[in-house]
């Protein structure tokens, strides 16, 4: 839905900085404060969790999970 609304592909949907405090990677207001000058868009979806997302490679016919994370994947 985000891609449809933006009309463009999404390059990244999260921020990971090993040197940051947890709040700077989970709180939308703090994310905007730190990264808002260089990010095209920061969407406030509420405070995030610490579990990594699942990454799926869809560049070939059969999708392949490259990192298993939070959530259940349904094809």
PDB file of N, CA and C in Angstrom:
ATOM      1  N   UNK A   1       0.818  -1.192   0.000  1.00  0.00           N
ATOM      2  CA  UNK A   1       0.000   0.000   0.000  1.00  0.00           C
ATOM      3  C   UNK A   1       0.869   1.266   0.000  1.00  0.00           C
ATOM      4  N   UNK A   2       1.973   1.240   0.739  1.00  0.00           N
ATOM      5  CA  UNK A   2       2.862   2.410   0.775  1.00  0.00           C
ATOM      6  C   UNK A   2       3.409   2.707  -0.610  1.00  0.00           C
ATOM      7  N   UNK A   3       3.834   1.671  -1.328  1.00  0.00           N
ATOM      8  CA  UNK A   3       4.382   1.855  -2.676  1.00  0.00           C
ATOM      9  C   UNK A   3       3.321   2.430  -3.602  1.00  0.00           C
ATOM     10  N   UNK A   4       2.104   1.949  -3.493  1.00  0.00           N
ATOM     11  CA  UNK A   4       1.008   2.453  -4.326  1.00  0.00           C
ATOM     12  C   UNK A   4       0.773   3.932  -4.035  1.00  0.00           C
ATOM     13  N   UNK A   5       0.716   4.300  -2.767  1.00  0.00           N
ATOM     14  CA  UNK A   5       0.469   5.690  -2.392  1.00  0.00           C
ATOM     15  C   UNK A   5       1.604   6.618  -2.816  1.00  0.00           C
ATOM     16  N   UNK A   6       2.845   6.139  -2.690  1.00  0.00           N
ATOM     17  CA  UNK A   6       3.990   6.962  -3.077  1.00  0.00           C
ATOM     18  C   UNK A   6       4.179   7.022  -4.588  1.00  0.00           C
ATOM     19  N   UNK A   7       3.740   5.964  -5.269  1.00  0.00           N
ATOM     20  CA  UNK A   7       3.934   5.901  -6.714  1.00  0.00           C
ATOM     21  C   UNK A   7       5.367   5.584  -7.109  1.00  0.00           C
ATOM     22  N   UNK A   8       6.162   5.119  -6.154  1.00  0.00           N
ATOM     23  CA  UNK A   8       7.567   4.780  -6.380  1.00  0.00           C
ATOM     24  C   UNK A   8       7.944   3.583  -5.516  1.00  0.00           C
ATOM     25  N   UNK A   9       8.992   2.874  -5.908  1.00  0.00           N
ATOM     26  CA  UNK A   9       9.476   1.793  -5.045  1.00  0.00           C
ATOM     27  C   UNK A   9      10.054   2.351  -3.746  1.00  0.00           C
ATOM     28  N   UNK A  10      10.084   1.532  -2.719  1.00  0.00           N
ATOM     29  CA  UNK A  10      10.645   1.915  -1.428  1.00  0.00           C
ATOM     30  C   UNK A  10      12.030   1.296  -1.306  1.00  0.00           C
ATOM     31  N   UNK A  11      13.030   2.127  -1.029  1.00  0.00           N
ATOM     32  CA  UNK A  11      14.401   1.629  -0.896  1.00  0.00           C
ATOM     33  C   UNK A  11      14.630   1.000   0.462  1.00  0.00           C
ATOM     34  N   UNK A  12      14.145   1.623   1.502  1.00  0.00           N
ATOM     35  CA  UNK A  12      14.355   1.114   2.857  1.00  0.00           C
ATOM     36  C   UNK A  12      13.171   1.493   3.725  1.00  0.00           C
ATOM     37  N   UNK A  13      12.836   0.601   4.637  1.00  0.00           N
ATOM     38  CA  UNK A  13      11.706   0.885   5.514  1.00  0.00           C
ATOM     39  C   UNK A  13      12.105   0.971   6.973  1.00  0.00           C
ATOM     40  N   UNK A  14      13.398   0.936   7.244  1.00  0.00           N
ATOM     41  CA  UNK A  14      13.845   1.003   8.632  1.00  0.00           C
ATOM     42  C   UNK A  14      15.225   1.637   8.720  1.00  0.00           C
ATOM     43  N   UNK A  15      15.611   1.949   9.946  1.00  0.00           N
ATOM     44  CA  UNK A  15      16.912   2.558  10.209  1.00  0.00           C
ATOM     45  C   UNK A  15      17.631   1.684  11.220  1.00  0.00           C
ATOM     46  N   UNK A  16      18.858   1.351  10.936  1.00  0.00           N
ATOM     47  CA  UNK A  16      19.656   0.556  11.874  1.00  0.00           C
ATOM     48  C   UNK A  16      21.007   1.220  12.034  1.00  0.00           C
ATOM     49  N   UNK A  17      21.312   1.623  13.241  1.00  0.00           N
ATOM     50  CA  UNK A  17      22.601   2.237  13.541  1.00  0.00           C
ATOM     51  C   UNK A  17      23.104   1.615  14.836  1.00  0.00           C
ATOM     52  N   UNK A  18      24.141   0.802  14.740  1.00  0.00           N
ATOM     53  CA  UNK A  18      24.663   0.076  15.901  1.00  0.00           C
ATOM     54  C   UNK A  18      25.097   1.005  17.033  1.00  0.00           C
ATOM     55  N   UNK A  19      25.424   2.260  16.728  1.00  0.00           N
ATOM     56  CA  UNK A  19      25.904   3.194  17.743  1.00  0.00           C
ATOM     57  C   UNK A  19      24.785   3.958  18.441  1.00  0.00           C
ATOM     58  N   UNK A  20      23.555   3.798  17.969  1.00  0.00           N
ATOM     59  CA  UNK A  20      22.428   4.549  18.526  1.00  0.00           C
ATOM     60  C   UNK A  20      21.844   3.888  19.759  1.00  0.00           C
ATOM     61  N   UNK A  21      21.182   4.713  20.568  1.00  0.00           N
ATOM     62  CA  UNK A  21      20.361   4.193  21.649  1.00  0.00           C
ATOM     63  C   UNK A  21      19.114   3.593  21.012  1.00  0.00           C
ATOM     64  N   UNK A  22      18.509   2.641  21.689  1.00  0.00           N
ATOM     65  CA  UNK A  22      17.333   1.941  21.162  1.00  0.00           C
ATOM     66  C   UNK A  22      16.234   2.916  20.749  1.00  0.00           C
ATOM     67  N   UNK A  23      16.004   3.968  21.518  1.00  0.00           N
ATOM     68  CA  UNK A  23      14.916   4.896  21.226  1.00  0.00           C
ATOM     69  C   UNK A  23      15.060   5.545  19.850  1.00  0.00           C
ATOM     70  N   UNK A  24      16.298   5.760  19.407  1.00  0.00           N
ATOM     71  CA  UNK A  24      16.504   6.418  18.122  1.00  0.00           C
ATOM     72  C   UNK A  24      16.207   5.506  16.937  1.00  0.00           C
ATOM     73  N   UNK A  25      16.035   4.229  17.178  1.00  0.00           N
ATOM     74  CA  UNK A  25      15.685   3.334  16.079  1.00  0.00           C
ATOM     75  C   UNK A  25      14.260   2.813  16.191  1.00  0.00           C
ATOM     76  N   UNK A  26      13.535   3.180  17.255  1.00  0.00           N
ATOM     77  CA  UNK A  26      12.162   2.696  17.418  1.00  0.00           C
ATOM     78  C   UNK A  26      11.122   3.799  17.573  1.00  0.00           C
ATOM     79  N   UNK A  27      11.517   4.996  17.942  1.00  0.00           N
ATOM     80  CA  UNK A  27      10.575   6.098  18.165  1.00  0.00           C
ATOM     81  C   UNK A  27      10.527   6.995  16.926  1.00  0.00           C
ATOM     82  N   UNK A  28       9.357   7.084  16.255  1.00  0.00           N
ATOM     83  CA  UNK A  28       9.255   7.857  15.015  1.00  0.00           C
ATOM     84  C   UNK A  28       9.677   9.321  15.149  1.00  0.00           C
ATOM     85  N   UNK A  29       9.354   9.952  16.267  1.00  0.00           N
ATOM     86  CA  UNK A  29       9.734  11.361  16.445  1.00  0.00           C
ATOM     87  C   UNK A  29      11.250  11.518  16.529  1.00  0.00           C
ATOM     88  N   UNK A  30      11.910  10.608  17.241  1.00  0.00           N
ATOM     89  CA  UNK A  30      13.365  10.673  17.348  1.00  0.00           C
ATOM     90  C   UNK A  30      14.044  10.283  16.035  1.00  0.00           C
ATOM     91  N   UNK A  31      13.431   9.341  15.311  1.00  0.00           N
ATOM     92  CA  UNK A  31      13.959   8.972  13.988  1.00  0.00           C
ATOM     93  C   UNK A  31      13.924  10.192  13.077  1.00  0.00           C
ATOM     94  N   UNK A  32      12.797  10.907  13.084  1.00  0.00           N
ATOM     95  CA  UNK A  32      12.680  12.107  12.252  1.00  0.00           C
ATOM     96  C   UNK A  32      13.678  13.174  12.690  1.00  0.00           C
ATOM     97  N   UNK A  33      13.842  13.329  14.000  1.00  0.00           N
ATOM     98  CA  UNK A  33      14.789  14.313  14.526  1.00  0.00           C
ATOM     99  C   UNK A  33      16.213  14.035  14.019  1.00  0.00           C
ATOM    100  N   UNK A  34      16.608  12.765  14.025  1.00  0.00           N
ATOM    101  CA  UNK A  34      17.976  12.420  13.640  1.00  0.00           C
ATOM    102  C   UNK A  34      18.153  12.292  12.130  1.00  0.00           C
ATOM    103  N   UNK A  35      17.194  11.669  11.431  1.00  0.00           N
ATOM    104  CA  UNK A  35      17.369  11.322  10.022  1.00  0.00           C
ATOM    105  C   UNK A  35      16.512  12.148   9.067  1.00  0.00           C
ATOM    106  N   UNK A  36      15.632  13.002   9.589  1.00  0.00           N
ATOM    107  CA  UNK A  36      14.688  13.742   8.753  1.00  0.00           C
ATOM    108  C   UNK A  36      15.319  14.620   7.687  1.00  0.00           C
ATOM    109  N   UNK A  37      16.508  15.132   7.931  1.00  0.00           N
ATOM    110  CA  UNK A  37      17.185  15.993   6.950  1.00  0.00           C
ATOM    111  C   UNK A  37      17.671  15.227   5.722  1.00  0.00           C
ATOM    112  N   UNK A  38      17.941  13.921   5.880  1.00  0.00           N
ATOM    113  CA  UNK A  38      18.465  13.150   4.742  1.00  0.00           C
ATOM    114  C   UNK A  38      17.471  12.124   4.202  1.00  0.00           C
ATOM    115  N   UNK A  39      16.383  11.886   4.942  1.00  0.00           N
ATOM    116  CA  UNK A  39      15.357  10.952   4.472  1.00  0.00           C
ATOM    117  C   UNK A  39      14.316  11.721   3.667  1.00  0.00           C
ATOM    118  N   UNK A  40      13.884  11.139   2.555  1.00  0.00           N
ATOM    119  CA  UNK A  40      12.838  11.777   1.756  1.00  0.00           C
ATOM    120  C   UNK A  40      11.520  11.830   2.516  1.00  0.00           C
ATOM    121  N   UNK A  41      11.200  10.744   3.212  1.00  0.00           N
ATOM    122  CA  UNK A  41       9.938  10.647   3.939  1.00  0.00           C
ATOM    123  C   UNK A  41      10.164   9.847   5.217  1.00  0.00           C
ATOM    124  N   UNK A  42       9.593  10.296   6.316  1.00  0.00           N
ATOM    125  CA  UNK A  42       9.543   9.518   7.551  1.00  0.00           C
ATOM    126  C   UNK A  42       8.072   9.347   7.884  1.00  0.00           C
ATOM    127  N   UNK A  43       7.594   8.112   7.868  1.00  0.00           N
ATOM    128  CA  UNK A  43       6.187   7.824   8.134  1.00  0.00           C
ATOM    129  C   UNK A  43       6.055   7.357   9.576  1.00  0.00           C
ATOM    130  N   UNK A  44       5.197   8.023  10.337  1.00  0.00           N
ATOM    131  CA  UNK A  44       4.989   7.683  11.738  1.00  0.00           C
ATOM    132  C   UNK A  44       3.960   6.568  11.832  1.00  0.00           C
ATOM    133  N   UNK A  45       4.440   5.364  12.066  1.00  0.00           N
ATOM    134  CA  UNK A  45       3.563   4.217  12.243  1.00  0.00           C
ATOM    135  C   UNK A  45       3.511   3.774  13.696  1.00  0.00           C
ATOM    136  N   UNK A  46       3.923   4.666  14.594  1.00  0.00           N
ATOM    137  CA  UNK A  46       3.973   4.323  16.008  1.00  0.00           C
ATOM    138  C   UNK A  46       5.348   3.798  16.385  1.00  0.00           C
ATOM    139  N   UNK A  47       5.539   3.599  17.666  1.00  0.00           N
ATOM    140  CA  UNK A  47       6.822   3.105  18.156  1.00  0.00           C
ATOM    141  C   UNK A  47       7.010   1.672  17.693  1.00  0.00           C
ATOM    142  N   UNK A  48       8.168   1.404  17.125  1.00  0.00           N
ATOM    143  CA  UNK A  48       8.463   0.078  16.596  1.00  0.00           C
ATOM    144  C   UNK A  48       9.026  -0.857  17.643  1.00  0.00           C
ATOM    145  N   UNK A  49       9.167  -2.101  17.249  1.00  0.00           N
ATOM    146  CA  UNK A  49       9.740  -3.108  18.131  1.00  0.00           C
ATOM    147  C   UNK A  49      11.206  -3.319  17.822  1.00  0.00           C
ATOM    148  N   UNK A  50      11.790  -4.281  18.494  1.00  0.00           N
ATOM    149  CA  UNK A  50      13.208  -4.567  18.317  1.00  0.00           C
ATOM    150  C   UNK A  50      13.457  -5.776  17.430  1.00  0.00           C
ATOM    151  N   UNK A  51      12.396  -6.520  17.093  1.00  0.00           N
ATOM    152  CA  UNK A  51      12.560  -7.690  16.240  1.00  0.00           C
ATOM    153  C   UNK A  51      12.832  -7.256  14.810  1.00  0.00           C
ATOM    154  N   UNK A  52      13.815  -7.874  14.153  1.00  0.00           N
ATOM    155  CA  UNK A  52      14.097  -7.512  12.762  1.00  0.00           C
ATOM    156  C   UNK A  52      12.971  -7.970  11.842  1.00  0.00           C
ATOM    157  N   UNK A  53      12.838  -7.298  10.711  1.00  0.00           N
ATOM    158  CA  UNK A  53      11.834  -7.680   9.724  1.00  0.00           C
ATOM    159  C   UNK A  53      12.357  -8.837   8.884  1.00  0.00           C
ATOM    160  N   UNK A  54      11.437  -9.516   8.221  1.00  0.00           N
ATOM    161  CA  UNK A  54      11.820 -10.566   7.287  1.00  0.00           C
ATOM    162  C   UNK A  54      12.171  -9.913   5.960  1.00  0.00           C
ATOM    163  N   UNK A  55      13.239 -10.371   5.338  1.00  0.00           N
ATOM    164  CA  UNK A  55      13.663  -9.849   4.040  1.00  0.00           C
ATOM    165  C   UNK A  55      13.461 -10.952   3.008  1.00  0.00           C
ATOM    166  N   UNK A  56      12.747 -10.608   1.924  1.00  0.00           N
ATOM    167  CA  UNK A  56      12.444 -11.578   0.875  1.00  0.00           C
ATOM    168  C   UNK A  56      13.000 -11.079  -0.447  1.00  0.00           C
ATOM    169  N   UNK A  57      13.765 -11.921  -1.117  1.00  0.00           N
ATOM    170  CA  UNK A  57      14.313 -11.608  -2.437  1.00  0.00           C
ATOM    171  C   UNK A  57      13.274 -12.011  -3.480  1.00  0.00           C
ATOM    172  N   UNK A  58      12.705 -11.022  -4.158  1.00  0.00           N
ATOM    173  CA  UNK A  58      11.678 -11.273  -5.177  1.00  0.00           C
ATOM    174  C   UNK A  58      12.199 -10.984  -6.579  1.00  0.00           C
ATOM    175  N   UNK A  59      13.512 -11.048  -6.760  1.00  0.00           N
ATOM    176  CA  UNK A  59      14.083 -10.730  -8.066  1.00  0.00           C
ATOM    177  C   UNK A  59      13.980 -11.890  -9.044  1.00  0.00           C
ATOM    178  N   UNK A  60      13.654 -13.076  -8.555  1.00  0.00           N
ATOM    179  CA  UNK A  60      13.485 -14.239  -9.419  1.00  0.00           C
ATOM    180  C   UNK A  60      12.060 -14.750  -9.297  1.00  0.00           C
ATOM    181  N   UNK A  61      11.716 -15.755 -10.103  1.00  0.00           N
ATOM    182  CA  UNK A  61      10.351 -16.276 -10.142  1.00  0.00           C
ATOM    183  C   UNK A  61       9.881 -16.754  -8.764  1.00  0.00           C
ATOM    184  N   UNK A  62      10.718 -17.530  -8.074  1.00  0.00           N
ATOM    185  CA  UNK A  62      10.352 -18.031  -6.754  1.00  0.00           C
ATOM    186  C   UNK A  62      10.958 -17.141  -5.673  1.00  0.00           C
ATOM    187  N   UNK A  63      10.116 -16.480  -4.857  1.00  0.00           N
ATOM    188  CA  UNK A  63      10.653 -15.641  -3.777  1.00  0.00           C
ATOM    189  C   UNK A  63      11.496 -16.483  -2.818  1.00  0.00           C
ATOM    190  N   UNK A  64      12.553 -15.874  -2.278  1.00  0.00           N
ATOM    191  CA  UNK A  64      13.449 -16.577  -1.361  1.00  0.00           C
ATOM    192  C   UNK A  64      13.658 -15.717  -0.114  1.00  0.00           C
ATOM    193  N   UNK A  65      13.482 -16.325   1.048  1.00  0.00           N
ATOM    194  CA  UNK A  65      13.708 -15.609   2.304  1.00  0.00           C
ATOM    195  C   UNK A  65      15.214 -15.487   2.514  1.00  0.00           C
ATOM    196  N   UNK A  66      15.695 -14.249   2.598  1.00  0.00           N
ATOM    197  CA  UNK A  66      17.120 -14.032   2.846  1.00  0.00           C
ATOM    198  C   UNK A  66      17.389 -13.729   4.315  1.00  0.00           C
ATOM    199  N   UNK A  67      16.364 -13.291   5.051  1.00  0.00           N
ATOM    200  CA  UNK A  67      16.480 -13.119   6.503  1.00  0.00           C
ATOM    201  C   UNK A  67      15.108 -13.359   7.117  1.00  0.00           C
ATOM    202  N   UNK A  68      15.026 -14.377   7.962  1.00  0.00           N
ATOM    203  CA  UNK A  68      13.775 -14.654   8.661  1.00  0.00           C
ATOM    204  C   UNK A  68      13.664 -13.712   9.847  1.00  0.00           C
ATOM    205  N   UNK A  69      12.559 -13.035   9.950  1.00  0.00           N
ATOM    206  CA  UNK A  69      12.350 -12.097  11.047  1.00  0.00           C
ATOM    207  C   UNK A  69      10.957 -12.240  11.601  1.00  0.00           C
ATOM    208  N   UNK A  70      10.439 -11.139  12.115  1.00  0.00           N
ATOM    209  CA  UNK A  70       9.125 -11.119  12.736  1.00  0.00           C
ATOM    210  C   UNK A  70       8.030 -11.352  11.700  1.00  0.00           C
ATOM    211  N   UNK A  71       6.998 -12.013  12.116  1.00  0.00           N
ATOM    212  CA  UNK A  71       5.836 -12.197  11.259  1.00  0.00           C
ATOM    213  C   UNK A  71       5.817 -13.534  10.549  1.00  0.00           C
ATOM    214  N   UNK A  72       4.652 -13.835   9.997  1.00  0.00           N
ATOM    215  CA  UNK A  72       4.454 -15.063   9.243  1.00  0.00           C
ATOM    216  C   UNK A  72       4.384 -14.698   7.774  1.00  0.00           C
ATOM    217  N   UNK A  73       5.163 -15.375   6.960  1.00  0.00           N
ATOM    218  CA  UNK A  73       5.205 -15.087   5.530  1.00  0.00           C
ATOM    219  C   UNK A  73       4.255 -16.019   4.794  1.00  0.00           C
ATOM    220  N   UNK A  74       3.338 -15.443   4.019  1.00  0.00           N
ATOM    221  CA  UNK A  74       2.385 -16.233   3.238  1.00  0.00           C
ATOM    222  C   UNK A  74       2.583 -15.903   1.769  1.00  0.00           C
ATOM    223  N   UNK A  75       2.782 -16.925   0.947  1.00  0.00           N
ATOM    224  CA  UNK A  75       2.931 -16.727  -0.503  1.00  0.00           C
ATOM    225  C   UNK A  75       1.631 -17.028  -1.194  1.00  0.00           C
TER     226      UNK A  75
END
